[in-house]
Amino acid sequence: MSFNRGVQKLETGLKGKTVLLSGASGGIGSEIARYFTREGAKLILTYLDDERGKAEIKLLEETLKDGRPPGEYITVVADLTVESEVDKIYKAGEDKYGRIDILVACAGVWSETRNVADRPLKEWNMAFKLNSTADFLLTRGFFRNLRKYKEDRAVVVYIGSTAGMIGEAYHHDYAATKSAIIYGLAQSLRVEILDYARLGRVNVVCPGWCATPITEEMLKDKQFVHEITSTIPLRKVATPKDIAAAVIYMASDELSGHVTGGVLTVGGGMNGRLLHGELKPITEDLKPY
């Protein structure tokens, strides 16, 4: 993917860069992988060893192999909450490519819909384990790789969420895990990364509602679509391509080389407030995206 503006062509500078992408089998993660491949990056793709993950990574591999140019990548099955599993990812990546230039932390889980009064502590702890601790372990491994292979530039891009910025009722645990990444981890590490990469950068891309396999059934409900788009000025949800393009921008030193500690929201302007009138049963034919 090249960015064309009339006769001018904006280069991303990602060709030949090595990218570690977690959550590569998901709807957003797989699209991010395709975008990096089009830019000529080399990929280390991680995914969870379950039936859905296996099926989706197989489909992704087929599209990467058929791409123009064909993708250069390795895949690593790993549980990102286990230290030894994350160490395995970095060993595989270093054995194949040596230095890893970019980390995109995309893996995460959406929680059960509950009032906080009904949330078991087990679910709360699990949300932090899967959404925050996993990103910590991935980042720690990335910084250790940078310490071993010192160069001027390196980039971390976290996938946050608008939930972490404005909250998400009945998904308070998920929202809290994303706030920890957006406001705690990323803002601290934008300074710490400079210990190992003089021009290193740490940024966050925050999707709002996005059309993925996980949300597919929900977005078939016209009333539900009406309710969520009533808080979105653009009155539509994102597609994985919207998120992938934002990640490419944040990962590219050519396009965002002076951006660090940044939070790029890809939510159609959503801020949680009702913008499009009183919520009534939907009568118009709204398209979600």
C-alpha atoms as a PDB file:
ATOM      1  CA  MET A   1       0.000   0.000   0.000  1.00  0.00           C
ATOM      2  CA  SER A   2       1.439   3.335  -1.043  1.00  0.00           C
ATOM      3  CA  PHE A   3      -0.178   6.636  -0.240  1.00  0.00           C
ATOM      4  CA  ASN A   4      -0.866   8.590  -3.441  1.00  0.00           C
ATOM      5  CA  ARG A   5      -1.627  12.292  -3.480  1.00  0.00           C
ATOM      6  CA  GLY A   6      -1.974  13.367  -7.090  1.00  0.00           C
ATOM      7  CA  VAL A   7       1.359  12.723  -8.768  1.00  0.00           C
ATOM      8  CA  GLN A   8       3.197  12.516  -5.445  1.00  0.00           C
ATOM      9  CA  LYS A   9       3.779   9.236  -3.659  1.00  0.00           C
ATOM     10  CA  LEU A  10       4.312   9.121   0.079  1.00  0.00           C
ATOM     11  CA  GLU A  11       6.662   6.323   1.098  1.00  0.00           C
ATOM     12  CA  THR A  12       6.221   4.688   4.478  1.00  0.00           C
ATOM     13  CA  GLY A  13       9.817   3.487   4.792  1.00  0.00           C
ATOM     14  CA  LEU A  14       8.590   0.140   6.123  1.00  0.00           C
ATOM     15  CA  LYS A  15      10.178  -2.013   3.431  1.00  0.00           C
ATOM     16  CA  GLY A  16      12.591  -4.466   5.034  1.00  0.00           C
ATOM     17  CA  LYS A  17      11.503  -3.621   8.582  1.00  0.00           C
ATOM     18  CA  THR A  18      10.826  -6.517  10.941  1.00  0.00           C
ATOM     19  CA  VAL A  19       7.443  -6.320  12.664  1.00  0.00           C
ATOM     20  CA  LEU A  20       6.178  -8.444  15.549  1.00  0.00           C
ATOM     21  CA  LEU A  21       2.371  -8.487  15.407  1.00  0.00           C
ATOM     22  CA  SER A  22       0.333 -10.143  18.144  1.00  0.00           C
ATOM     23  CA  GLY A  23      -3.269 -11.164  17.557  1.00  0.00           C
ATOM     24  CA  ALA A  24      -2.578 -11.768  13.874  1.00  0.00           C
ATOM     25  CA  SER A  25      -5.485 -14.174  13.451  1.00  0.00           C
ATOM     26  CA  GLY A  26      -8.130 -11.623  14.467  1.00  0.00           C
ATOM     27  CA  GLY A  27     -10.162  -9.434  12.140  1.00  0.00           C
ATOM     28  CA  ILE A  28      -8.089  -6.323  12.821  1.00  0.00           C
ATOM     29  CA  GLY A  29      -4.774  -8.156  13.249  1.00  0.00           C
ATOM     30  CA  SER A  30      -5.013 -10.003   9.953  1.00  0.00           C
ATOM     31  CA  GLU A  31      -5.718  -6.757   8.080  1.00  0.00           C
ATOM     32  CA  ILE A  32      -2.734  -5.096   9.756  1.00  0.00           C
ATOM     33  CA  ALA A  33      -0.593  -8.023   8.580  1.00  0.00           C
ATOM     34  CA  ARG A  34      -1.782  -7.542   4.997  1.00  0.00           C
ATOM     35  CA  TYR A  35      -1.007  -3.830   5.084  1.00  0.00           C
ATOM     36  CA  PHE A  36       2.524  -4.389   6.402  1.00  0.00           C
ATOM     37  CA  THR A  37       3.097  -7.051   3.741  1.00  0.00           C
ATOM     38  CA  ARG A  38       2.140  -4.608   0.997  1.00  0.00           C
ATOM     39  CA  GLU A  39       4.761  -2.254   2.389  1.00  0.00           C
ATOM     40  CA  GLY A  40       7.441  -4.956   2.166  1.00  0.00           C
ATOM     41  CA  ALA A  41       7.867  -5.570   5.889  1.00  0.00           C
ATOM     42  CA  LYS A  42       8.955  -8.893   7.380  1.00  0.00           C
ATOM     43  CA  LEU A  43       6.463 -10.274   9.883  1.00  0.00           C
ATOM     44  CA  ILE A  44       6.502 -12.335  13.056  1.00  0.00           C
ATOM     45  CA  LEU A  45       2.844 -13.283  13.530  1.00  0.00           C
ATOM     46  CA  THR A  46       1.534 -14.649  16.823  1.00  0.00           C
ATOM     47  CA  TYR A  47      -1.814 -16.305  17.436  1.00  0.00           C
ATOM     48  CA  LEU A  48      -3.553 -18.486  20.002  1.00  0.00           C
ATOM     49  CA  ASP A  49      -3.692 -22.237  19.491  1.00  0.00           C
ATOM     50  CA  ASP A  50      -7.448 -22.747  19.197  1.00  0.00           C
ATOM     51  CA  GLU A  51      -9.687 -23.825  16.326  1.00  0.00           C
ATOM     52  CA  ARG A  52     -10.671 -20.298  15.362  1.00  0.00           C
ATOM     53  CA  GLY A  53      -7.082 -19.066  15.516  1.00  0.00           C
ATOM     54  CA  LYS A  54      -5.817 -21.935  13.383  1.00  0.00           C
ATOM     55  CA  ALA A  55      -8.489 -21.419  10.740  1.00  0.00           C
ATOM     56  CA  GLU A  56      -7.983 -17.672  10.502  1.00  0.00           C
ATOM     57  CA  ILE A  57      -4.180 -17.820  10.436  1.00  0.00           C
ATOM     58  CA  LYS A  58      -4.380 -20.407   7.644  1.00  0.00           C
ATOM     59  CA  LEU A  59      -6.561 -18.039   5.614  1.00  0.00           C
ATOM     60  CA  LEU A  60      -4.187 -15.154   6.335  1.00  0.00           C
ATOM     61  CA  GLU A  61      -1.174 -17.196   5.239  1.00  0.00           C
ATOM     62  CA  GLU A  62      -2.871 -17.987   1.936  1.00  0.00           C
ATOM     63  CA  THR A  63      -3.496 -14.304   1.230  1.00  0.00           C
ATOM     64  CA  LEU A  64       0.041 -13.319   2.230  1.00  0.00           C
ATOM     65  CA  LYS A  65       1.561 -15.970  -0.036  1.00  0.00           C
ATOM     66  CA  ASP A  66      -0.580 -14.794  -2.948  1.00  0.00           C
ATOM     67  CA  GLY A  67       0.193 -11.125  -2.332  1.00  0.00           C
ATOM     68  CA  ARG A  68       2.126  -8.814  -4.593  1.00  0.00           C
ATOM     69  CA  PRO A  69       4.788  -8.992  -3.326  1.00  0.00           C
ATOM     70  CA  PRO A  70       4.396 -12.305  -1.460  1.00  0.00           C
ATOM     71  CA  GLY A  71       4.698 -11.816   2.271  1.00  0.00           C
ATOM     72  CA  GLU A  72       7.844 -12.727   4.186  1.00  0.00           C
ATOM     73  CA  TYR A  73       6.767 -13.988   7.588  1.00  0.00           C
ATOM     74  CA  ILE A  74       6.909 -16.610  10.296  1.00  0.00           C
ATOM     75  CA  THR A  75       4.057 -17.665  12.587  1.00  0.00           C
ATOM     76  CA  VAL A  76       4.395 -18.513  16.273  1.00  0.00           C
ATOM     77  CA  VAL A  77       1.657 -20.091  18.396  1.00  0.00           C
ATOM     78  CA  ALA A  78       1.834 -18.604  21.877  1.00  0.00           C
ATOM     79  CA  ASP A  79      -0.110 -17.811  25.035  1.00  0.00           C
ATOM     80  CA  LEU A  80       0.881 -14.180  25.594  1.00  0.00           C
ATOM     81  CA  THR A  81       0.167 -14.363  29.329  1.00  0.00           C
ATOM     82  CA  VAL A  82       2.933 -16.927  29.923  1.00  0.00           C
ATOM     83  CA  GLU A  83       6.508 -15.620  30.173  1.00  0.00           C
ATOM     84  CA  SER A  84       8.123 -18.673  28.602  1.00  0.00           C
ATOM     85  CA  GLU A  85       5.698 -18.509  25.670  1.00  0.00           C
ATOM     86  CA  VAL A  86       6.562 -14.865  24.997  1.00  0.00           C
ATOM     87  CA  ASP A  87      10.264 -15.715  25.272  1.00  0.00           C
ATOM     88  CA  LYS A  88       9.628 -18.370  22.606  1.00  0.00           C
ATOM     89  CA  ILE A  89       8.263 -15.711  20.249  1.00  0.00           C
ATOM     90  CA  TYR A  90      11.366 -13.571  20.575  1.00  0.00           C
ATOM     91  CA  LYS A  91      13.719 -16.514  20.179  1.00  0.00           C
ATOM     92  CA  ALA A  92      11.970 -17.501  16.941  1.00  0.00           C
ATOM     93  CA  GLY A  93      12.023 -13.909  15.719  1.00  0.00           C
ATOM     94  CA  GLU A  94      15.672 -13.342  16.565  1.00  0.00           C
ATOM     95  CA  ASP A  95      16.738 -16.667  15.060  1.00  0.00           C
ATOM     96  CA  LYS A  96      15.052 -15.665  11.793  1.00  0.00           C
ATOM     97  CA  TYR A  97      15.580 -11.908  11.577  1.00  0.00           C
ATOM     98  CA  GLY A  98      17.809 -10.686  14.411  1.00  0.00           C
ATOM     99  CA  ARG A  99      16.651  -7.220  15.413  1.00  0.00           C
ATOM    100  CA  ILE A 100      12.925  -6.520  15.615  1.00  0.00           C
ATOM    101  CA  ASP A 101      12.119  -2.955  14.559  1.00  0.00           C
ATOM    102  CA  ILE A 102       8.426  -2.620  15.345  1.00  0.00           C
ATOM    103  CA  LEU A 103       6.041  -4.156  17.882  1.00  0.00           C
ATOM    104  CA  VAL A 104       2.298  -3.987  17.212  1.00  0.00           C
ATOM    105  CA  ALA A 105       0.382  -5.301  20.224  1.00  0.00           C
ATOM    106  CA  CYS A 106      -3.039  -6.170  18.836  1.00  0.00           C
ATOM    107  CA  ALA A 107      -4.148  -9.215  20.830  1.00  0.00           C
ATOM    108  CA  GLY A 108      -6.948  -8.736  23.337  1.00  0.00           C
ATOM    109  CA  VAL A 109     -10.355  -9.938  24.490  1.00  0.00           C
ATOM    110  CA  TRP A 110     -13.790  -8.365  24.945  1.00  0.00           C
ATOM    111  CA  SER A 111     -15.495  -9.060  28.253  1.00  0.00           C
ATOM    112  CA  GLU A 112     -18.899 -10.418  29.219  1.00  0.00           C
ATOM    113  CA  THR A 113     -21.662  -7.808  29.536  1.00  0.00           C
ATOM    114  CA  ARG A 114     -22.283  -7.311  33.273  1.00  0.00           C
ATOM    115  CA  ASN A 115     -23.003  -4.632  35.836  1.00  0.00           C
ATOM    116  CA  VAL A 116     -19.995  -4.190  38.117  1.00  0.00           C
ATOM    117  CA  ALA A 117     -22.134  -5.529  40.988  1.00  0.00           C
ATOM    118  CA  ASP A 118     -22.214  -8.873  39.199  1.00  0.00           C
ATOM    119  CA  ARG A 119     -18.617  -9.035  37.943  1.00  0.00           C
ATOM    120  CA  PRO A 120     -16.680 -11.974  39.460  1.00  0.00           C
ATOM    121  CA  LEU A 121     -13.149 -11.125  40.554  1.00  0.00           C
ATOM    122  CA  LYS A 122     -11.949 -13.963  38.333  1.00  0.00           C
ATOM    123  CA  GLU A 123     -13.251 -12.166  35.221  1.00  0.00           C
ATOM    124  CA  TRP A 124     -11.723  -8.853  36.304  1.00  0.00           C
ATOM    125  CA  ASN A 125      -8.323 -10.454  36.849  1.00  0.00           C
ATOM    126  CA  MET A 126      -8.540 -12.364  33.576  1.00  0.00           C
ATOM    127  CA  ALA A 127      -9.267  -9.172  31.622  1.00  0.00           C
ATOM    128  CA  PHE A 128      -6.111  -7.549  32.990  1.00  0.00           C
ATOM    129  CA  LYS A 129      -4.093 -10.690  32.380  1.00  0.00           C
ATOM    130  CA  LEU A 130      -5.138 -10.941  28.727  1.00  0.00           C
ATOM    131  CA  ASN A 131      -5.262  -7.247  27.815  1.00  0.00           C
ATOM    132  CA  SER A 132      -2.606  -5.596  29.988  1.00  0.00           C
ATOM    133  CA  THR A 133      -0.162  -8.191  31.308  1.00  0.00           C
ATOM    134  CA  ALA A 134       0.220  -9.693  27.832  1.00  0.00           C
ATOM    135  CA  ASP A 135       1.173  -6.280  26.428  1.00  0.00           C
ATOM    136  CA  PHE A 136       3.658  -5.795  29.276  1.00  0.00           C
ATOM    137  CA  LEU A 137       5.348  -9.128  28.539  1.00  0.00           C
ATOM    138  CA  LEU A 138       5.482  -8.415  24.804  1.00  0.00           C
ATOM    139  CA  THR A 139       6.949  -4.965  25.412  1.00  0.00           C
ATOM    140  CA  ARG A 140       9.514  -6.236  27.889  1.00  0.00           C
ATOM    141  CA  GLY A 141      10.704  -8.769  25.337  1.00  0.00           C
ATOM    142  CA  PHE A 142      10.818  -6.081  22.651  1.00  0.00           C
ATOM    143  CA  PHE A 143      12.925  -3.760  24.812  1.00  0.00           C
ATOM    144  CA  ARG A 144      15.311  -6.622  25.580  1.00  0.00           C
ATOM    145  CA  ASN A 145      15.677  -7.190  21.838  1.00  0.00           C
ATOM    146  CA  LEU A 146      16.401  -3.483  21.337  1.00  0.00           C
ATOM    147  CA  ARG A 147      19.019  -3.607  24.094  1.00  0.00           C
ATOM    148  CA  LYS A 148      20.746  -6.450  22.279  1.00  0.00           C
ATOM    149  CA  TYR A 149      20.570  -4.851  18.804  1.00  0.00           C
ATOM    150  CA  LYS A 150      20.965  -1.128  19.429  1.00  0.00           C
ATOM    151  CA  GLU A 151      19.923   1.205  16.620  1.00  0.00           C
ATOM    152  CA  ASP A 152      18.443   4.696  16.547  1.00  0.00           C
ATOM    153  CA  ARG A 153      14.889   3.827  15.589  1.00  0.00           C
ATOM    154  CA  ALA A 154      12.221   1.529  17.022  1.00  0.00           C
ATOM    155  CA  VAL A 155       8.440   1.726  17.315  1.00  0.00           C
ATOM    156  CA  VAL A 156       5.742   0.313  19.579  1.00  0.00           C
ATOM    157  CA  VAL A 157       2.105   0.609  18.505  1.00  0.00           C
ATOM    158  CA  TYR A 158      -0.505  -0.525  21.011  1.00  0.00           C
ATOM    159  CA  ILE A 159      -4.090  -1.197  20.009  1.00  0.00           C
ATOM    160  CA  GLY A 160      -6.132   0.596  22.643  1.00  0.00           C
ATOM    161  CA  SER A 161      -9.835   1.388  22.499  1.00  0.00           C
ATOM    162  CA  THR A 162     -12.211   4.306  22.828  1.00  0.00           C
ATOM    163  CA  ALA A 163     -13.495   2.343  25.829  1.00  0.00           C
ATOM    164  CA  GLY A 164     -10.228   3.143  27.575  1.00  0.00           C
ATOM    165  CA  MET A 165     -10.707   6.858  26.882  1.00  0.00           C
ATOM    166  CA  ILE A 166     -14.403   7.476  27.575  1.00  0.00           C
ATOM    167  CA  GLY A 167     -15.448   4.269  29.337  1.00  0.00           C
ATOM    168  CA  GLU A 168     -17.772   1.481  28.249  1.00  0.00           C
ATOM    169  CA  ALA A 169     -20.736   0.716  30.499  1.00  0.00           C
ATOM    170  CA  TYR A 170     -21.068  -2.966  31.434  1.00  0.00           C
ATOM    171  CA  HIS A 171     -17.580  -3.590  30.053  1.00  0.00           C
ATOM    172  CA  HIS A 172     -15.773  -1.664  32.813  1.00  0.00           C
ATOM    173  CA  ASP A 173     -13.056  -4.318  33.129  1.00  0.00           C
ATOM    174  CA  TYR A 174     -12.156  -4.090  29.442  1.00  0.00           C
ATOM    175  CA  ALA A 175     -12.229  -0.283  29.603  1.00  0.00           C
ATOM    176  CA  ALA A 176      -9.909  -0.270  32.617  1.00  0.00           C
ATOM    177  CA  THR A 177      -7.382  -2.554  30.913  1.00  0.00           C
ATOM    178  CA  LYS A 178      -7.239  -0.268  27.885  1.00  0.00           C
ATOM    179  CA  SER A 179      -6.899   2.856  30.052  1.00  0.00           C
ATOM    180  CA  ALA A 180      -3.882   1.214  31.662  1.00  0.00           C
ATOM    181  CA  ILE A 181      -2.256   0.872  28.247  1.00  0.00           C
ATOM    182  CA  ILE A 182      -3.229   4.300  26.890  1.00  0.00           C
ATOM    183  CA  TYR A 183      -2.504   6.467  29.914  1.00  0.00           C
ATOM    184  CA  GLY A 184      -0.118   4.397  32.012  1.00  0.00           C
ATOM    185  CA  LEU A 185       2.091   2.085  29.990  1.00  0.00           C
ATOM    186  CA  ALA A 186       2.431   4.006  26.728  1.00  0.00           C
ATOM    187  CA  GLN A 187       3.060   7.369  28.378  1.00  0.00           C
ATOM    188  CA  SER A 188       5.784   5.869  30.583  1.00  0.00           C
ATOM    189  CA  LEU A 189       7.484   3.873  27.854  1.00  0.00           C
ATOM    190  CA  ARG A 190       7.693   6.769  25.378  1.00  0.00           C
ATOM    191  CA  VAL A 191      10.554   7.887  27.642  1.00  0.00           C
ATOM    192  CA  GLU A 192      11.998   4.488  28.588  1.00  0.00           C
ATOM    193  CA  ILE A 193      12.384   3.375  24.963  1.00  0.00           C
ATOM    194  CA  LEU A 194      15.019   6.090  24.500  1.00  0.00           C
ATOM    195  CA  ASP A 195      17.408   4.045  26.658  1.00  0.00           C
ATOM    196  CA  TYR A 196      17.759   1.595  23.760  1.00  0.00           C
ATOM    197  CA  ALA A 197      16.734   3.557  20.656  1.00  0.00           C
ATOM    198  CA  ARG A 198      17.629   7.246  20.469  1.00  0.00           C
ATOM    199  CA  LEU A 199      14.634   8.018  18.246  1.00  0.00           C
ATOM    200  CA  GLY A 200      12.329   5.274  19.533  1.00  0.00           C
ATOM    201  CA  ARG A 201       8.590   5.977  19.628  1.00  0.00           C
ATOM    202  CA  VAL A 202       5.581   4.565  21.486  1.00  0.00           C
ATOM    203  CA  ASN A 203       2.044   5.310  20.283  1.00  0.00           C
ATOM    204  CA  VAL A 204      -1.513   4.014  20.606  1.00  0.00           C
ATOM    205  CA  VAL A 205      -4.262   3.488  18.023  1.00  0.00           C
ATOM    206  CA  CYS A 206      -7.721   3.468  19.615  1.00  0.00           C
ATOM    207  CA  PRO A 207     -10.529   1.918  17.558  1.00  0.00           C
ATOM    208  CA  GLY A 208     -14.156   2.473  18.397  1.00  0.00           C
ATOM    209  CA  TRP A 209     -16.756   0.042  17.130  1.00  0.00           C
ATOM    210  CA  CYS A 210     -15.321  -1.999  14.260  1.00  0.00           C
ATOM    211  CA  ALA A 211     -16.822  -4.585  11.910  1.00  0.00           C
ATOM    212  CA  THR A 212     -14.985  -7.827  12.678  1.00  0.00           C
ATOM    213  CA  PRO A 213     -15.984 -11.489  12.984  1.00  0.00           C
ATOM    214  CA  ILE A 214     -16.525 -10.877  16.713  1.00  0.00           C
ATOM    215  CA  THR A 215     -19.016  -8.037  16.144  1.00  0.00           C
ATOM    216  CA  GLU A 216     -20.615  -9.463  12.989  1.00  0.00           C
ATOM    217  CA  GLU A 217     -23.740 -10.811  14.680  1.00  0.00           C
ATOM    218  CA  MET A 218     -24.262  -7.675  16.778  1.00  0.00           C
ATOM    219  CA  LEU A 219     -24.060  -5.453  13.701  1.00  0.00           C
ATOM    220  CA  LYS A 220     -26.889  -7.388  12.055  1.00  0.00           C
ATOM    221  CA  ASP A 221     -29.233  -5.941  14.686  1.00  0.00           C
ATOM    222  CA  LYS A 222     -30.545  -2.660  13.219  1.00  0.00           C
ATOM    223  CA  GLN A 223     -31.657  -1.319  16.586  1.00  0.00           C
ATOM    224  CA  PHE A 224     -28.224  -1.980  18.061  1.00  0.00           C
ATOM    225  CA  VAL A 225     -26.542  -0.267  15.100  1.00  0.00           C
ATOM    226  CA  HIS A 226     -28.881   2.690  15.579  1.00  0.00           C
ATOM    227  CA  GLU A 227     -27.968   2.942  19.256  1.00  0.00           C
ATOM    228  CA  ILE A 228     -24.202   2.912  18.760  1.00  0.00           C
ATOM    229  CA  THR A 229     -24.164   5.145  15.677  1.00  0.00           C
ATOM    230  CA  SER A 230     -26.299   7.711  17.515  1.00  0.00           C
ATOM    231  CA  THR A 231     -23.141   8.547  19.493  1.00  0.00           C
ATOM    232  CA  ILE A 232     -20.905   8.681  16.393  1.00  0.00           C
ATOM    233  CA  PRO A 233     -20.865  11.856  14.253  1.00  0.00           C
ATOM    234  CA  LEU A 234     -20.003   9.860  11.114  1.00  0.00           C
ATOM    235  CA  ARG A 235     -22.874   7.440  11.870  1.00  0.00           C
ATOM    236  CA  LYS A 236     -20.938   4.333  10.906  1.00  0.00           C
ATOM    237  CA  VAL A 237     -18.480   1.896  12.459  1.00  0.00           C
ATOM    238  CA  ALA A 238     -14.915   1.300  11.339  1.00  0.00           C
ATOM    239  CA  THR A 239     -13.650  -1.521   9.159  1.00  0.00           C
ATOM    240  CA  PRO A 240     -10.361  -3.335   9.853  1.00  0.00           C
ATOM    241  CA  LYS A 241      -8.828  -1.365   6.972  1.00  0.00           C
ATOM    242  CA  ASP A 242      -9.445   1.874   8.863  1.00  0.00           C
ATOM    243  CA  ILE A 243      -7.505   0.542  11.838  1.00  0.00           C
ATOM    244  CA  ALA A 244      -4.720  -0.981   9.729  1.00  0.00           C
ATOM    245  CA  ALA A 245      -4.118   2.305   7.897  1.00  0.00           C
ATOM    246  CA  ALA A 246      -3.799   4.124  11.234  1.00  0.00           C
ATOM    247  CA  VAL A 247      -1.298   1.528  12.478  1.00  0.00           C
ATOM    248  CA  ILE A 248       0.792   1.920   9.323  1.00  0.00           C
ATOM    249  CA  TYR A 249       0.858   5.669   9.896  1.00  0.00           C
ATOM    250  CA  MET A 250       1.965   5.321  13.524  1.00  0.00           C
ATOM    251  CA  ALA A 251       4.552   2.647  12.676  1.00  0.00           C
ATOM    252  CA  SER A 252       6.135   4.644   9.850  1.00  0.00           C
ATOM    253  CA  ASP A 253       9.056   6.895  10.739  1.00  0.00           C
ATOM    254  CA  GLU A 254       8.530   8.623   7.402  1.00  0.00           C
ATOM    255  CA  LEU A 255       4.917   9.544   8.167  1.00  0.00           C
ATOM    256  CA  SER A 256       4.908  10.021  11.953  1.00  0.00           C
ATOM    257  CA  GLY A 257       8.566  10.261  12.921  1.00  0.00           C
ATOM    258  CA  HIS A 258       7.928  13.162  15.310  1.00  0.00           C
ATOM    259  CA  VAL A 259       4.918  11.552  17.000  1.00  0.00           C
ATOM    260  CA  THR A 260       5.435   9.707  20.278  1.00  0.00           C
ATOM    261  CA  GLY A 261       3.118   9.273  23.223  1.00  0.00           C
ATOM    262  CA  GLY A 262       0.361   9.907  20.697  1.00  0.00           C
ATOM    263  CA  VAL A 263      -3.149   8.479  20.833  1.00  0.00           C
ATOM    264  CA  LEU A 264      -4.835   8.213  17.431  1.00  0.00           C
ATOM    265  CA  THR A 265      -8.576   7.639  17.790  1.00  0.00           C
ATOM    266  CA  VAL A 266     -10.317   5.799  14.947  1.00  0.00           C
ATOM    267  CA  GLY A 267     -13.883   5.979  16.162  1.00  0.00           C
ATOM    268  CA  GLY A 268     -15.762   8.212  13.762  1.00  0.00           C
ATOM    269  CA  GLY A 269     -15.760  10.985  16.373  1.00  0.00           C
ATOM    270  CA  MET A 270     -17.485   8.877  19.036  1.00  0.00           C
ATOM    271  CA  ASN A 271     -17.389  10.427  22.490  1.00  0.00           C
ATOM    272  CA  GLY A 272     -20.185   8.568  24.271  1.00  0.00           C
ATOM    273  CA  ARG A 273     -22.750  11.364  24.038  1.00  0.00           C
ATOM    274  CA  LEU A 274     -26.042  11.060  22.191  1.00  0.00           C
ATOM    275  CA  LEU A 275     -25.724  13.232  19.089  1.00  0.00           C
ATOM    276  CA  HIS A 276     -28.460  12.197  16.702  1.00  0.00           C
ATOM    277  CA  GLY A 277     -31.668  12.692  18.603  1.00  0.00           C
ATOM    278  CA  GLU A 278     -33.725  10.674  21.028  1.00  0.00           C
ATOM    279  CA  LEU A 279     -33.292   6.929  20.861  1.00  0.00           C
ATOM    280  CA  LYS A 280     -36.442   5.512  19.313  1.00  0.00           C
ATOM    281  CA  PRO A 281     -37.061   2.278  17.406  1.00  0.00           C
ATOM    282  CA  ILE A 282     -35.202   2.561  14.133  1.00  0.00           C
ATOM    283  CA  THR A 283     -37.200   3.118  10.966  1.00  0.00           C
ATOM    284  CA  GLU A 284     -34.526   4.242   8.518  1.00  0.00           C
ATOM    285  CA  ASP A 285     -32.241   1.822   6.684  1.00  0.00           C
ATOM    286  CA  LEU A 286     -28.866   2.566   8.261  1.00  0.00           C
ATOM    287  CA  LYS A 287     -25.751   0.878   6.943  1.00  0.00           C
ATOM    288  CA  PRO A 288     -23.225   0.250   9.723  1.00  0.00           C
ATOM    289  CA  TYR A 289     -20.107   0.688   7.550  1.00  0.00           C
END
